Amino acid sequence: MTIYTGRGDEGDTDLRDMSRVSKSSPRIEAYGTVDEANALIGTIRPTGHDDLDDLLATVQNHLHVVQADLANPDPDPDDPAVEPAHVEVLEDQIDALDEELEPLRSFILPGGGEAGAGLHHARTVTRRAERRVVELAGSEPINETVVTYINRLSDLLFTLGRVANARDGEPEESPTY
């Protein structure tokens, strides 16, 4: 199999069902931005914390399911799909990790150490992916659990950024107004 096919040279690409769409379509923009978030998460691992790295690896695998789900406008029951169990994994991890943290009393500036800052950056890209997915959902039918998953993922990444910074001794800074 070659990496290049030439099929996209005219600005179109294949969806999972082999239908052709413009590379600028909302569906491609949605799963392409999810891909960007996934790649960014890959640059953050290893964080220096094995449990966080294991969780991020799980998230990266989930994001491949998200992309496959979004790339399929007419899924069959056995096609990859985001399920409520994927969301529950994130929620359980947020709850567990939040117990390590001091209660949040104000907004915080994104940043900190290398891992923490990277996780905050991944959160912002994930929020952009969420906006793209919501835009797609407004014009085409999608699995609504994808919207929930991406929303919860940004919450997890925020929590992970805080945890990485706390473990690395990086203080949180509040914005000044």
C-alpha atoms as a PDB file:
ATOM      1  CA  MET A   1       0.000   0.000   0.000  1.00  0.00           C
ATOM      2  CA  THR A   2       1.384   3.426  -0.912  1.00  0.00           C
ATOM      3  CA  ILE A   3       0.885   6.457   1.272  1.00  0.00           C
ATOM      4  CA  TYR A   4      -0.260   8.586  -1.628  1.00  0.00           C
ATOM      5  CA  THR A   5      -3.173   7.778  -3.895  1.00  0.00           C
ATOM      6  CA  GLY A   6      -3.696  11.049  -5.719  1.00  0.00           C
ATOM      7  CA  ARG A   7      -7.434  10.803  -4.986  1.00  0.00           C
ATOM      8  CA  GLY A   8      -7.302  13.976  -2.905  1.00  0.00           C
ATOM      9  CA  ASP A   9      -5.458  16.095  -5.432  1.00  0.00           C
ATOM     10  CA  GLU A  10      -8.676  17.811  -6.518  1.00  0.00           C
ATOM     11  CA  GLY A  11      -9.586  18.792  -2.939  1.00  0.00           C
ATOM     12  CA  ASP A  12     -11.971  15.913  -2.193  1.00  0.00           C
ATOM     13  CA  THR A  13     -11.605  12.944   0.141  1.00  0.00           C
ATOM     14  CA  ASP A  14     -13.386   9.700   0.993  1.00  0.00           C
ATOM     15  CA  LEU A  15     -15.564   9.232   4.017  1.00  0.00           C
ATOM     16  CA  ARG A  16     -15.772   5.864   5.729  1.00  0.00           C
ATOM     17  CA  ASP A  17     -18.727   4.858   3.500  1.00  0.00           C
ATOM     18  CA  MET A  18     -16.601   5.764   0.434  1.00  0.00           C
ATOM     19  CA  SER A  19     -18.707   8.805  -0.447  1.00  0.00           C
ATOM     20  CA  ARG A  20     -16.633  11.777  -1.635  1.00  0.00           C
ATOM     21  CA  VAL A  21     -16.727  15.183   0.040  1.00  0.00           C
ATOM     22  CA  SER A  22     -14.725  18.376  -0.081  1.00  0.00           C
ATOM     23  CA  LYS A  23     -11.782  18.499   2.281  1.00  0.00           C
ATOM     24  CA  SER A  24     -13.307  21.724   3.590  1.00  0.00           C
ATOM     25  CA  SER A  25     -16.631  20.120   4.569  1.00  0.00           C
ATOM     26  CA  PRO A  26     -17.783  20.481   8.182  1.00  0.00           C
ATOM     27  CA  ARG A  27     -17.419  16.716   8.673  1.00  0.00           C
ATOM     28  CA  ILE A  28     -13.775  16.752   7.588  1.00  0.00           C
ATOM     29  CA  GLU A  29     -13.126  19.884   9.636  1.00  0.00           C
ATOM     30  CA  ALA A  30     -14.633  18.184  12.710  1.00  0.00           C
ATOM     31  CA  TYR A  31     -12.679  14.963  12.590  1.00  0.00           C
ATOM     32  CA  GLY A  32      -9.571  16.739  11.346  1.00  0.00           C
ATOM     33  CA  THR A  33      -9.582  18.954  14.423  1.00  0.00           C
ATOM     34  CA  VAL A  34     -10.054  15.865  16.603  1.00  0.00           C
ATOM     35  CA  ASP A  35      -6.990  14.443  14.829  1.00  0.00           C
ATOM     36  CA  GLU A  36      -5.083  17.624  15.671  1.00  0.00           C
ATOM     37  CA  ALA A  37      -6.011  17.271  19.345  1.00  0.00           C
ATOM     38  CA  ASN A  38      -4.935  13.633  19.267  1.00  0.00           C
ATOM     39  CA  ALA A  39      -1.562  14.506  17.721  1.00  0.00           C
ATOM     40  CA  LEU A  40      -1.025  17.244  20.297  1.00  0.00           C
ATOM     41  CA  ILE A  41      -1.757  14.810  23.121  1.00  0.00           C
ATOM     42  CA  GLY A  42       0.866  12.547  21.561  1.00  0.00           C
ATOM     43  CA  THR A  43       3.463  15.301  21.915  1.00  0.00           C
ATOM     44  CA  ILE A  44       2.730  15.588  25.639  1.00  0.00           C
ATOM     45  CA  ARG A  45       3.399  11.924  26.419  1.00  0.00           C
ATOM     46  CA  PRO A  46       5.439  11.042  28.329  1.00  0.00           C
ATOM     47  CA  THR A  47       4.460  13.483  31.037  1.00  0.00           C
ATOM     48  CA  GLY A  48       6.731  11.956  33.637  1.00  0.00           C
ATOM     49  CA  HIS A  49       3.726  10.430  35.415  1.00  0.00           C
ATOM     50  CA  ASP A  50       2.938   6.852  34.399  1.00  0.00           C
ATOM     51  CA  ASP A  51      -0.717   6.972  35.422  1.00  0.00           C
ATOM     52  CA  LEU A  52      -1.288  10.137  33.389  1.00  0.00           C
ATOM     53  CA  ASP A  53       0.539   8.616  30.415  1.00  0.00           C
ATOM     54  CA  ASP A  54      -1.627   5.491  30.574  1.00  0.00           C
ATOM     55  CA  LEU A  55      -4.760   7.627  30.684  1.00  0.00           C
ATOM     56  CA  LEU A  56      -3.578   9.753  27.758  1.00  0.00           C
ATOM     57  CA  ALA A  57      -2.907   6.582  25.731  1.00  0.00           C
ATOM     58  CA  THR A  58      -6.488   5.488  26.435  1.00  0.00           C
ATOM     59  CA  VAL A  59      -7.737   8.916  25.339  1.00  0.00           C
ATOM     60  CA  GLN A  60      -5.730   8.741  22.116  1.00  0.00           C
ATOM     61  CA  ASN A  61      -7.319   5.405  21.302  1.00  0.00           C
ATOM     62  CA  HIS A  62     -10.757   6.828  22.111  1.00  0.00           C
ATOM     63  CA  LEU A  63     -10.060   9.715  19.749  1.00  0.00           C
ATOM     64  CA  HIS A  64      -9.509   7.259  16.908  1.00  0.00           C
ATOM     65  CA  VAL A  65     -13.002   5.936  17.631  1.00  0.00           C
ATOM     66  CA  VAL A  66     -14.300   9.532  17.636  1.00  0.00           C
ATOM     67  CA  GLN A  67     -12.698  10.147  14.237  1.00  0.00           C
ATOM     68  CA  ALA A  68     -14.090   6.917  12.778  1.00  0.00           C
ATOM     69  CA  ASP A  69     -17.531   7.796  14.151  1.00  0.00           C
ATOM     70  CA  LEU A  70     -17.412  11.292  12.650  1.00  0.00           C
ATOM     71  CA  ALA A  71     -16.086   9.987   9.312  1.00  0.00           C
ATOM     72  CA  ASN A  72     -19.119   7.756   8.903  1.00  0.00           C
ATOM     73  CA  PRO A  73     -22.292   9.557   7.814  1.00  0.00           C
ATOM     74  CA  ASP A  74     -24.290   6.302   7.594  1.00  0.00           C
ATOM     75  CA  PRO A  75     -22.949   3.892  10.236  1.00  0.00           C
ATOM     76  CA  ASP A  76     -23.802   0.232  10.555  1.00  0.00           C
ATOM     77  CA  PRO A  77     -24.360  -1.211  14.035  1.00  0.00           C
ATOM     78  CA  ASP A  78     -20.935  -2.877  14.045  1.00  0.00           C
ATOM     79  CA  ASP A  79     -18.997   0.250  12.997  1.00  0.00           C
ATOM     80  CA  PRO A  80     -16.781   2.026  15.566  1.00  0.00           C
ATOM     81  CA  ALA A  81     -18.868   4.436  17.626  1.00  0.00           C
ATOM     82  CA  VAL A  82     -18.453   6.523  20.735  1.00  0.00           C
ATOM     83  CA  GLU A  83     -20.541   5.036  23.521  1.00  0.00           C
ATOM     84  CA  PRO A  84     -21.602   6.308  26.949  1.00  0.00           C
ATOM     85  CA  ALA A  85     -18.952   3.999  28.459  1.00  0.00           C
ATOM     86  CA  HIS A  86     -16.251   6.140  26.800  1.00  0.00           C
ATOM     87  CA  VAL A  87     -17.671   9.214  28.562  1.00  0.00           C
ATOM     88  CA  GLU A  88     -17.870   7.345  31.874  1.00  0.00           C
ATOM     89  CA  VAL A  89     -14.139   6.548  31.699  1.00  0.00           C
ATOM     90  CA  LEU A  90     -13.397  10.264  31.473  1.00  0.00           C
ATOM     91  CA  GLU A  91     -15.812  11.210  34.239  1.00  0.00           C
ATOM     92  CA  ASP A  92     -14.425   8.550  36.583  1.00  0.00           C
ATOM     93  CA  GLN A  93     -10.880   9.799  35.939  1.00  0.00           C
ATOM     94  CA  ILE A  94     -11.849  13.454  36.457  1.00  0.00           C
ATOM     95  CA  ASP A  95     -13.466  12.574  39.787  1.00  0.00           C
ATOM     96  CA  ALA A  96     -10.466  10.532  40.946  1.00  0.00           C
ATOM     97  CA  LEU A  97      -7.868  13.081  39.856  1.00  0.00           C
ATOM     98  CA  ASP A  98      -9.818  16.005  41.294  1.00  0.00           C
ATOM     99  CA  GLU A  99      -9.309  14.505  44.763  1.00  0.00           C
ATOM    100  CA  GLU A 100      -5.572  15.291  44.424  1.00  0.00           C
ATOM    101  CA  LEU A 101      -6.198  18.970  43.826  1.00  0.00           C
ATOM    102  CA  GLU A 102      -6.905  21.970  45.947  1.00  0.00           C
ATOM    103  CA  PRO A 103     -10.411  23.262  45.252  1.00  0.00           C
ATOM    104  CA  LEU A 104     -10.555  25.690  42.354  1.00  0.00           C
ATOM    105  CA  ARG A 105     -11.345  29.172  43.665  1.00  0.00           C
ATOM    106  CA  SER A 106     -10.948  31.237  40.507  1.00  0.00           C
ATOM    107  CA  PHE A 107     -10.017  30.993  36.881  1.00  0.00           C
ATOM    108  CA  ILE A 108      -6.392  30.035  36.307  1.00  0.00           C
ATOM    109  CA  LEU A 109      -3.964  31.042  33.621  1.00  0.00           C
ATOM    110  CA  PRO A 110      -3.089  28.136  31.329  1.00  0.00           C
ATOM    111  CA  GLY A 111       0.569  27.277  31.671  1.00  0.00           C
ATOM    112  CA  GLY A 112       2.927  25.839  34.227  1.00  0.00           C
ATOM    113  CA  GLY A 113       5.480  23.151  33.535  1.00  0.00           C
ATOM    114  CA  GLU A 114       5.977  21.464  30.188  1.00  0.00           C
ATOM    115  CA  ALA A 115       3.373  18.725  30.760  1.00  0.00           C
ATOM    116  CA  GLY A 116       0.844  21.023  32.421  1.00  0.00           C
ATOM    117  CA  ALA A 117       1.123  23.707  29.761  1.00  0.00           C
ATOM    118  CA  GLY A 118       0.885  21.090  27.020  1.00  0.00           C
ATOM    119  CA  LEU A 119      -2.266  19.651  28.560  1.00  0.00           C
ATOM    120  CA  HIS A 120      -3.823  23.116  28.768  1.00  0.00           C
ATOM    121  CA  HIS A 121      -2.937  23.623  25.089  1.00  0.00           C
ATOM    122  CA  ALA A 122      -4.525  20.274  24.217  1.00  0.00           C
ATOM    123  CA  ARG A 123      -7.641  21.421  26.098  1.00  0.00           C
ATOM    124  CA  THR A 124      -7.963  24.499  23.906  1.00  0.00           C
ATOM    125  CA  VAL A 125      -7.578  22.459  20.705  1.00  0.00           C
ATOM    126  CA  THR A 126     -10.173  20.026  22.052  1.00  0.00           C
ATOM    127  CA  ARG A 127     -12.548  22.945  22.677  1.00  0.00           C
ATOM    128  CA  ARG A 128     -12.048  23.959  19.041  1.00  0.00           C
ATOM    129  CA  ALA A 129     -12.799  20.382  17.996  1.00  0.00           C
ATOM    130  CA  GLU A 130     -15.946  20.567  20.097  1.00  0.00           C
ATOM    131  CA  ARG A 131     -17.064  23.717  18.277  1.00  0.00           C
ATOM    132  CA  ARG A 132     -16.481  21.984  14.934  1.00  0.00           C
ATOM    133  CA  VAL A 133     -18.414  18.889  16.049  1.00  0.00           C
ATOM    134  CA  VAL A 134     -21.318  21.025  17.297  1.00  0.00           C
ATOM    135  CA  GLU A 135     -21.322  22.898  13.988  1.00  0.00           C
ATOM    136  CA  LEU A 136     -21.459  19.573  12.126  1.00  0.00           C
ATOM    137  CA  ALA A 137     -24.278  18.329  14.367  1.00  0.00           C
ATOM    138  CA  GLY A 138     -26.264  21.433  13.416  1.00  0.00           C
ATOM    139  CA  SER A 139     -26.196  20.502   9.737  1.00  0.00           C
ATOM    140  CA  GLU A 140     -25.898  16.695   9.588  1.00  0.00           C
ATOM    141  CA  PRO A 141     -26.895  13.820  11.833  1.00  0.00           C
ATOM    142  CA  ILE A 142     -24.100  12.522  14.057  1.00  0.00           C
ATOM    143  CA  ASN A 143     -23.802  10.365  17.142  1.00  0.00           C
ATOM    144  CA  GLU A 144     -24.635  12.898  19.880  1.00  0.00           C
ATOM    145  CA  THR A 145     -22.440  11.011  22.351  1.00  0.00           C
ATOM    146  CA  VAL A 146     -19.471  12.384  20.398  1.00  0.00           C
ATOM    147  CA  VAL A 147     -20.387  15.922  21.517  1.00  0.00           C
ATOM    148  CA  THR A 148     -20.594  14.781  25.136  1.00  0.00           C
ATOM    149  CA  TYR A 149     -17.290  12.913  24.889  1.00  0.00           C
ATOM    150  CA  ILE A 150     -15.390  15.865  23.426  1.00  0.00           C
ATOM    151  CA  ASN A 151     -16.881  18.213  26.009  1.00  0.00           C
ATOM    152  CA  ARG A 152     -15.875  15.899  28.835  1.00  0.00           C
ATOM    153  CA  LEU A 153     -12.425  15.397  27.318  1.00  0.00           C
ATOM    154  CA  SER A 154     -11.709  19.115  27.566  1.00  0.00           C
ATOM    155  CA  ASP A 155     -12.675  18.931  31.254  1.00  0.00           C
ATOM    156  CA  LEU A 156     -10.327  15.979  31.726  1.00  0.00           C
ATOM    157  CA  LEU A 157      -7.452  17.782  29.996  1.00  0.00           C
ATOM    158  CA  PHE A 158      -8.001  20.819  32.239  1.00  0.00           C
ATOM    159  CA  THR A 159      -7.897  18.549  35.283  1.00  0.00           C
ATOM    160  CA  LEU A 160      -4.825  16.727  33.977  1.00  0.00           C
ATOM    161  CA  GLY A 161      -3.068  20.053  33.399  1.00  0.00           C
ATOM    162  CA  ARG A 162      -3.742  21.014  36.999  1.00  0.00           C
ATOM    163  CA  VAL A 163      -2.627  17.614  38.306  1.00  0.00           C
ATOM    164  CA  ALA A 164       0.590  17.606  36.262  1.00  0.00           C
ATOM    165  CA  ASN A 165       1.426  21.097  37.482  1.00  0.00           C
ATOM    166  CA  ALA A 166       0.653  20.208  41.115  1.00  0.00           C
ATOM    167  CA  ARG A 167       2.780  17.068  40.953  1.00  0.00           C
ATOM    168  CA  ASP A 168       5.603  19.005  39.304  1.00  0.00           C
ATOM    169  CA  GLY A 169       5.478  21.762  41.914  1.00  0.00           C
ATOM    170  CA  GLU A 170       4.254  24.394  39.450  1.00  0.00           C
ATOM    171  CA  PRO A 171       1.984  26.995  41.090  1.00  0.00           C
ATOM    172  CA  GLU A 172      -1.343  27.996  39.576  1.00  0.00           C
ATOM    173  CA  GLU A 173      -1.738  31.648  38.714  1.00  0.00           C
ATOM    174  CA  SER A 174      -5.021  33.516  38.727  1.00  0.00           C
ATOM    175  CA  PRO A 175      -5.645  36.199  36.133  1.00  0.00           C
ATOM    176  CA  THR A 176      -5.661  39.814  37.215  1.00  0.00           C
ATOM    177  CA  TYR A 177      -8.499  42.002  36.045  1.00  0.00           C
END
